[in-house]
Every structure is written in C-alpha cells, then in structure tokens.
Amino acid sequence: MARVTLATPPPPTIIPIEDRAVAELVVPASRRDLHVARRLRRRDAMLGLGVLAATLGATVAVLDMLH
C-alpha cells in the first residue's frame, strides 16, 4: 500500500505555563482527535485528487476536440 505524506504546518511552539492551575487544564490530543484529523487529511487529499483528475479529463476532452 502506498502512503502519501501531505505538507502540514509546523507544530505550535510550546509556551511554558507558570500557573499550575492553568497547566493542569492542558490535555494532550486524544485518539479520537487524531482519528478525526487523519480523516480530514484523507478527505482533503481525495478532494485534491478529484480536482486533478477532473482538470486532466477536461484538458484531454478539449485537446481531443481541437485535434
């Protein structure tokens, strides 16, 4: 199975939190959040490939008509 790596923005910089009460509220990403992010990346990749395929198909159709 081929894998495609999409460009992603760099991760946000971690700012140290001095206040302990606020620091306890910080929660790392859950498995569900990671799954949703992966599904959105996959959807965006499929949309991009669909646009590319439609553009290629339209180009071939136009060139075929001009030939």
PDB file of N, CA and C in Angstrom:
ATOM      1  N   MET A   1       0.841  -1.169   0.000  1.00  0.00           N
ATOM      2  CA  MET A   1       0.000   0.000   0.000  1.00  0.00           C
ATOM      3  C   MET A   1       0.889   1.235   0.000  1.00  0.00           C
ATOM      4  N   ALA A   2       0.625   2.134  -0.892  1.00  0.00           N
ATOM      5  CA  ALA A   2       1.412   3.363  -0.978  1.00  0.00           C
ATOM      6  C   ALA A   2       0.896   4.376   0.030  1.00  0.00           C
ATOM      7  N   ARG A   3       1.811   5.140   0.578  1.00  0.00           N
ATOM      8  CA  ARG A   3       1.430   6.190   1.523  1.00  0.00           C
ATOM      9  C   ARG A   3       1.851   7.525   0.963  1.00  0.00           C
ATOM     10  N   VAL A   4       1.012   8.499   1.170  1.00  0.00           N
ATOM     11  CA  VAL A   4       1.294   9.850   0.711  1.00  0.00           C
ATOM     12  C   VAL A   4       1.460  10.738   1.934  1.00  0.00           C
ATOM     13  N   THR A   5       2.528  11.506   1.959  1.00  0.00           N
ATOM     14  CA  THR A   5       2.744  12.435   3.061  1.00  0.00           C
ATOM     15  C   THR A   5       2.372  13.827   2.590  1.00  0.00           C
ATOM     16  N   LEU A   6       1.406  14.429   3.270  1.00  0.00           N
ATOM     17  CA  LEU A   6       0.954  15.757   2.903  1.00  0.00           C
ATOM     18  C   LEU A   6       1.704  16.792   3.731  1.00  0.00           C
ATOM     19  N   ALA A   7       1.897  17.941   3.146  1.00  0.00           N
ATOM     20  CA  ALA A   7       2.560  19.015   3.870  1.00  0.00           C
ATOM     21  C   ALA A   7       1.647  19.512   4.985  1.00  0.00           C
ATOM     22  N   THR A   8       2.187  19.653   6.148  1.00  0.00           N
ATOM     23  CA  THR A   8       1.426  20.164   7.281  1.00  0.00           C
ATOM     24  C   THR A   8       2.173  21.332   7.887  1.00  0.00           C
ATOM     25  N   PRO A   9       1.452  22.232   8.500  1.00  0.00           N
ATOM     26  CA  PRO A   9       2.143  23.348   9.134  1.00  0.00           C
ATOM     27  C   PRO A   9       2.983  22.848  10.303  1.00  0.00           C
ATOM     28  N   PRO A  10       4.021  23.586  10.671  1.00  0.00           N
ATOM     29  CA  PRO A  10       4.843  23.143  11.789  1.00  0.00           C
ATOM     30  C   PRO A  10       4.029  23.118  13.075  1.00  0.00           C
ATOM     31  N   PRO A  11       4.383  22.253  14.001  1.00  0.00           N
ATOM     32  CA  PRO A  11       3.613  22.191  15.248  1.00  0.00           C
ATOM     33  C   PRO A  11       3.761  23.495  16.018  1.00  0.00           C
ATOM     34  N   PRO A  12       2.759  23.847  16.780  1.00  0.00           N
ATOM     35  CA  PRO A  12       2.839  25.088  17.536  1.00  0.00           C
ATOM     36  C   PRO A  12       3.941  25.010  18.595  1.00  0.00           C
ATOM     37  N   THR A  13       4.531  26.147  18.865  1.00  0.00           N
ATOM     38  CA  THR A  13       5.571  26.165  19.891  1.00  0.00           C
ATOM     39  C   THR A  13       4.922  26.028  21.257  1.00  0.00           C
ATOM     40  N   ILE A  14       5.593  25.308  22.116  1.00  0.00           N
ATOM     41  CA  ILE A  14       5.072  25.075  23.455  1.00  0.00           C
ATOM     42  C   ILE A  14       5.534  26.211  24.354  1.00  0.00           C
ATOM     43  N   ILE A  15       4.572  26.906  24.904  1.00  0.00           N
ATOM     44  CA  ILE A  15       4.874  28.008  25.809  1.00  0.00           C
ATOM     45  C   ILE A  15       4.740  27.475  27.236  1.00  0.00           C
ATOM     46  N   PRO A  16       5.803  27.562  28.006  1.00  0.00           N
ATOM     47  CA  PRO A  16       5.701  27.050  29.381  1.00  0.00           C
ATOM     48  C   PRO A  16       4.660  27.850  30.175  1.00  0.00           C
ATOM     49  N   ILE A  17       3.870  27.128  30.921  1.00  0.00           N
ATOM     50  CA  ILE A  17       2.816  27.751  31.718  1.00  0.00           C
ATOM     51  C   ILE A  17       3.301  27.817  33.161  1.00  0.00           C
ATOM     52  N   GLU A  18       3.317  29.018  33.685  1.00  0.00           N
ATOM     53  CA  GLU A  18       3.811  29.225  35.047  1.00  0.00           C
ATOM     54  C   GLU A  18       2.738  28.921  36.088  1.00  0.00           C
ATOM     55  N   ASP A  19       1.484  29.144  35.718  1.00  0.00           N
ATOM     56  CA  ASP A  19       0.397  28.949  36.667  1.00  0.00           C
ATOM     57  C   ASP A  19       0.017  27.468  36.696  1.00  0.00           C
ATOM     58  N   ARG A  20       0.145  26.812  37.842  1.00  0.00           N
ATOM     59  CA  ARG A  20      -0.137  25.377  37.961  1.00  0.00           C
ATOM     60  C   ARG A  20      -1.600  25.062  37.691  1.00  0.00           C
ATOM     61  N   ALA A  21      -2.525  25.923  38.103  1.00  0.00           N
ATOM     62  CA  ALA A  21      -3.959  25.654  37.892  1.00  0.00           C
ATOM     63  C   ALA A  21      -4.273  25.606  36.401  1.00  0.00           C
ATOM     64  N   VAL A  22      -3.678  26.502  35.641  1.00  0.00           N
ATOM     65  CA  VAL A  22      -3.900  26.518  34.193  1.00  0.00           C
ATOM     66  C   VAL A  22      -3.169  25.350  33.551  1.00  0.00           C
ATOM     67  N   ALA A  23      -1.991  25.011  34.046  1.00  0.00           N
ATOM     68  CA  ALA A  23      -1.203  23.917  33.484  1.00  0.00           C
ATOM     69  C   ALA A  23      -1.931  22.582  33.614  1.00  0.00           C
ATOM     70  N   GLU A  24      -2.719  22.418  34.648  1.00  0.00           N
ATOM     71  CA  GLU A  24      -3.449  21.165  34.835  1.00  0.00           C
ATOM     72  C   GLU A  24      -4.605  21.034  33.845  1.00  0.00           C
ATOM     73  N   LEU A  25      -5.041  22.149  33.250  1.00  0.00           N
ATOM     74  CA  LEU A  25      -6.143  22.111  32.287  1.00  0.00           C
ATOM     75  C   LEU A  25      -5.686  21.661  30.901  1.00  0.00           C
ATOM     76  N   VAL A  26      -4.397  21.708  30.625  1.00  0.00           N
ATOM     77  CA  VAL A  26      -3.874  21.340  29.315  1.00  0.00           C
ATOM     78  C   VAL A  26      -3.971  19.829  29.155  1.00  0.00           C
ATOM     79  N   VAL A  27      -4.657  19.402  28.080  1.00  0.00           N
ATOM     80  CA  VAL A  27      -4.866  17.977  27.837  1.00  0.00           C
ATOM     81  C   VAL A  27      -4.280  17.642  26.471  1.00  0.00           C
ATOM     82  N   PRO A  28      -3.452  16.597  26.374  1.00  0.00           N
ATOM     83  CA  PRO A  28      -2.925  16.211  25.058  1.00  0.00           C
ATOM     84  C   PRO A  28      -4.045  15.681  24.165  1.00  0.00           C
ATOM     85  N   ALA A  29      -3.768  15.615  22.878  1.00  0.00           N
ATOM     86  CA  ALA A  29      -4.776  15.157  21.915  1.00  0.00           C
ATOM     87  C   ALA A  29      -5.159  13.708  22.195  1.00  0.00           C
ATOM     88  N   SER A  30      -6.433  13.439  22.114  1.00  0.00           N
ATOM     89  CA  SER A  30      -6.915  12.080  22.337  1.00  0.00           C
ATOM     90  C   SER A  30      -6.851  11.278  21.038  1.00  0.00           C
ATOM     91  N   ARG A  31      -7.068   9.992  21.148  1.00  0.00           N
ATOM     92  CA  ARG A  31      -7.082   9.134  19.954  1.00  0.00           C
ATOM     93  C   ARG A  31      -8.186   9.568  19.000  1.00  0.00           C
ATOM     94  N   ARG A  32      -9.305  10.005  19.566  1.00  0.00           N
ATOM     95  CA  ARG A  32     -10.424  10.453  18.730  1.00  0.00           C
ATOM     96  C   ARG A  32     -10.035  11.699  17.939  1.00  0.00           C
ATOM     97  N   ASP A  33      -9.349  12.637  18.584  1.00  0.00           N
ATOM     98  CA  ASP A  33      -8.906  13.841  17.890  1.00  0.00           C
ATOM     99  C   ASP A  33      -7.939  13.492  16.760  1.00  0.00           C
ATOM    100  N   LEU A  34      -7.024  12.568  17.022  1.00  0.00           N
ATOM    101  CA  LEU A  34      -6.071  12.158  15.994  1.00  0.00           C
ATOM    102  C   LEU A  34      -6.787  11.467  14.838  1.00  0.00           C
ATOM    103  N   HIS A  35      -7.796  10.661  15.163  1.00  0.00           N
ATOM    104  CA  HIS A  35      -8.556   9.964  14.130  1.00  0.00           C
ATOM    105  C   HIS A  35      -9.316  10.961  13.253  1.00  0.00           C
ATOM    106  N   VAL A  36      -9.924  11.953  13.876  1.00  0.00           N
ATOM    107  CA  VAL A  36     -10.660  12.975  13.125  1.00  0.00           C
ATOM    108  C   VAL A  36      -9.705  13.753  12.226  1.00  0.00           C
ATOM    109  N   ALA A  37      -8.532  14.112  12.744  1.00  0.00           N
ATOM    110  CA  ALA A  37      -7.551  14.852  11.941  1.00  0.00           C
ATOM    111  C   ALA A  37      -7.092  14.016  10.752  1.00  0.00           C
ATOM    112  N   ARG A  38      -6.863  12.716  10.972  1.00  0.00           N
ATOM    113  CA  ARG A  38      -6.441  11.830   9.884  1.00  0.00           C
ATOM    114  C   ARG A  38      -7.535  11.721   8.835  1.00  0.00           C
ATOM    115  N   ARG A  39      -8.802  11.635   9.281  1.00  0.00           N
ATOM    116  CA  ARG A  39      -9.910  11.538   8.336  1.00  0.00           C
ATOM    117  C   ARG A  39     -10.047  12.821   7.520  1.00  0.00           C
ATOM    118  N   LEU A  40      -9.843  13.970   8.147  1.00  0.00           N
ATOM    119  CA  LEU A  40      -9.919  15.239   7.415  1.00  0.00           C
ATOM    120  C   LEU A  40      -8.788  15.361   6.403  1.00  0.00           C
ATOM    121  N   ARG A  41      -7.572  14.925   6.769  1.00  0.00           N
ATOM    122  CA  ARG A  41      -6.456  14.954   5.816  1.00  0.00           C
ATOM    123  C   ARG A  41      -6.747  14.051   4.633  1.00  0.00           C
ATOM    124  N   ARG A  42      -7.309  12.876   4.911  1.00  0.00           N
ATOM    125  CA  ARG A  42      -7.636  11.929   3.846  1.00  0.00           C
ATOM    126  C   ARG A  42      -8.711  12.507   2.931  1.00  0.00           C
ATOM    127  N   ARG A  43      -9.720  13.168   3.525  1.00  0.00           N
ATOM    128  CA  ARG A  43     -10.776  13.793   2.720  1.00  0.00           C
ATOM    129  C   ARG A  43     -10.207  14.893   1.829  1.00  0.00           C
ATOM    130  N   ASP A  44      -9.325  15.713   2.400  1.00  0.00           N
ATOM    131  CA  ASP A  44      -8.715  16.789   1.615  1.00  0.00           C
ATOM    132  C   ASP A  44      -7.852  16.232   0.486  1.00  0.00           C
ATOM    133  N   ALA A  45      -7.152  15.128   0.755  1.00  0.00           N
ATOM    134  CA  ALA A  45      -6.322  14.516  -0.285  1.00  0.00           C
ATOM    135  C   ALA A  45      -7.200  13.968  -1.411  1.00  0.00           C
ATOM    136  N   MET A  46      -8.311  13.330  -1.062  1.00  0.00           N
ATOM    137  CA  MET A  46      -9.215  12.796  -2.083  1.00  0.00           C
ATOM    138  C   MET A  46      -9.843  13.926  -2.893  1.00  0.00           C
ATOM    139  N   LEU A  47     -10.182  15.020  -2.237  1.00  0.00           N
ATOM    140  CA  LEU A  47     -10.737  16.168  -2.950  1.00  0.00           C
ATOM    141  C   LEU A  47      -9.711  16.737  -3.923  1.00  0.00           C
ATOM    142  N   GLY A  48      -8.465  16.851  -3.488  1.00  0.00           N
ATOM    143  CA  GLY A  48      -7.404  17.350  -4.359  1.00  0.00           C
ATOM    144  C   GLY A  48      -7.174  16.444  -5.557  1.00  0.00           C
ATOM    145  N   LEU A  49      -7.182  15.140  -5.312  1.00  0.00           N
ATOM    146  CA  LEU A  49      -7.012  14.199  -6.420  1.00  0.00           C
ATOM    147  C   LEU A  49      -8.202  14.252  -7.382  1.00  0.00           C
ATOM    148  N   GLY A  50      -9.395  14.465  -6.852  1.00  0.00           N
ATOM    149  CA  GLY A  50     -10.571  14.589  -7.709  1.00  0.00           C
ATOM    150  C   GLY A  50     -10.489  15.817  -8.598  1.00  0.00           C
ATOM    151  N   VAL A  51     -10.034  16.927  -8.036  1.00  0.00           N
ATOM    152  CA  VAL A  51      -9.866  18.148  -8.826  1.00  0.00           C
ATOM    153  C   VAL A  51      -8.811  17.934  -9.901  1.00  0.00           C
ATOM    154  N   LEU A  52      -7.728  17.276  -9.542  1.00  0.00           N
ATOM    155  CA  LEU A  52      -6.666  16.993 -10.505  1.00  0.00           C
ATOM    156  C   LEU A  52      -7.171  16.099 -11.637  1.00  0.00           C
ATOM    157  N   ALA A  53      -7.929  15.066 -11.290  1.00  0.00           N
ATOM    158  CA  ALA A  53      -8.469  14.163 -12.307  1.00  0.00           C
ATOM    159  C   ALA A  53      -9.466  14.880 -13.215  1.00  0.00           C
ATOM    160  N   ALA A  54     -10.304  15.738 -12.647  1.00  0.00           N
ATOM    161  CA  ALA A  54     -11.269  16.480 -13.460  1.00  0.00           C
ATOM    162  C   ALA A  54     -10.565  17.437 -14.409  1.00  0.00           C
ATOM    163  N   THR A  55      -9.508  18.083 -13.911  1.00  0.00           N
ATOM    164  CA  THR A  55      -8.746  19.003 -14.759  1.00  0.00           C
ATOM    165  C   THR A  55      -8.081  18.250 -15.904  1.00  0.00           C
ATOM    166  N   LEU A  56      -7.495  17.111 -15.598  1.00  0.00           N
ATOM    167  CA  LEU A  56      -6.860  16.301 -16.630  1.00  0.00           C
ATOM    168  C   LEU A  56      -7.889  15.820 -17.653  1.00  0.00           C
ATOM    169  N   GLY A  57      -9.043  15.378 -17.173  1.00  0.00           N
ATOM    170  CA  GLY A  57     -10.095  14.925 -18.083  1.00  0.00           C
ATOM    171  C   GLY A  57     -10.593  16.040 -18.980  1.00  0.00           C
ATOM    172  N   ALA A  58     -10.770  17.227 -18.416  1.00  0.00           N
ATOM    173  CA  ALA A  58     -11.219  18.359 -19.226  1.00  0.00           C
ATOM    174  C   ALA A  58     -10.164  18.737 -20.255  1.00  0.00           C
ATOM    175  N   THR A  59      -8.889  18.685 -19.877  1.00  0.00           N
ATOM    176  CA  THR A  59      -7.810  19.004 -20.819  1.00  0.00           C
ATOM    177  C   THR A  59      -7.792  18.013 -21.972  1.00  0.00           C
ATOM    178  N   VAL A  60      -7.925  16.734 -21.663  1.00  0.00           N
ATOM    179  CA  VAL A  60      -7.942  15.715 -22.715  1.00  0.00           C
ATOM    180  C   VAL A  60      -9.151  15.913 -23.628  1.00  0.00           C
ATOM    181  N   ALA A  61     -10.309  16.235 -23.060  1.00  0.00           N
ATOM    182  CA  ALA A  61     -11.506  16.447 -23.869  1.00  0.00           C
ATOM    183  C   ALA A  61     -11.335  17.638 -24.812  1.00  0.00           C
ATOM    184  N   VAL A  62     -10.784  18.722 -24.301  1.00  0.00           N
ATOM    185  CA  VAL A  62     -10.579  19.911 -25.140  1.00  0.00           C
ATOM    186  C   VAL A  62      -9.563  19.630 -26.243  1.00  0.00           C
ATOM    187  N   LEU A  63      -8.450  18.987 -25.885  1.00  0.00           N
ATOM    188  CA  LEU A  63      -7.446  18.668 -26.892  1.00  0.00           C
ATOM    189  C   LEU A  63      -7.976  17.697 -27.938  1.00  0.00           C
ATOM    190  N   ASP A  64      -8.857  16.788 -27.532  1.00  0.00           N
ATOM    191  CA  ASP A  64      -9.456  15.852 -28.473  1.00  0.00           C
ATOM    192  C   ASP A  64     -10.382  16.585 -29.443  1.00  0.00           C
ATOM    193  N   MET A  65     -11.102  17.580 -28.937  1.00  0.00           N
ATOM    194  CA  MET A  65     -11.996  18.344 -29.811  1.00  0.00           C
ATOM    195  C   MET A  65     -11.195  19.204 -30.804  1.00  0.00           C
ATOM    196  N   LEU A  66     -10.040  19.708 -30.370  1.00  0.00           N
ATOM    197  CA  LEU A  66      -9.238  20.561 -31.254  1.00  0.00           C
ATOM    198  C   LEU A  66      -8.440  19.759 -32.276  1.00  0.00           C
ATOM    199  N   HIS A  67      -8.272  18.486 -32.030  1.00  0.00           N
ATOM    200  CA  HIS A  67      -7.442  17.670 -32.911  1.00  0.00           C
ATOM    201  C   HIS A  67      -8.168  17.298 -34.145  1.00  0.00           C
TER     202      HIS A  67
END
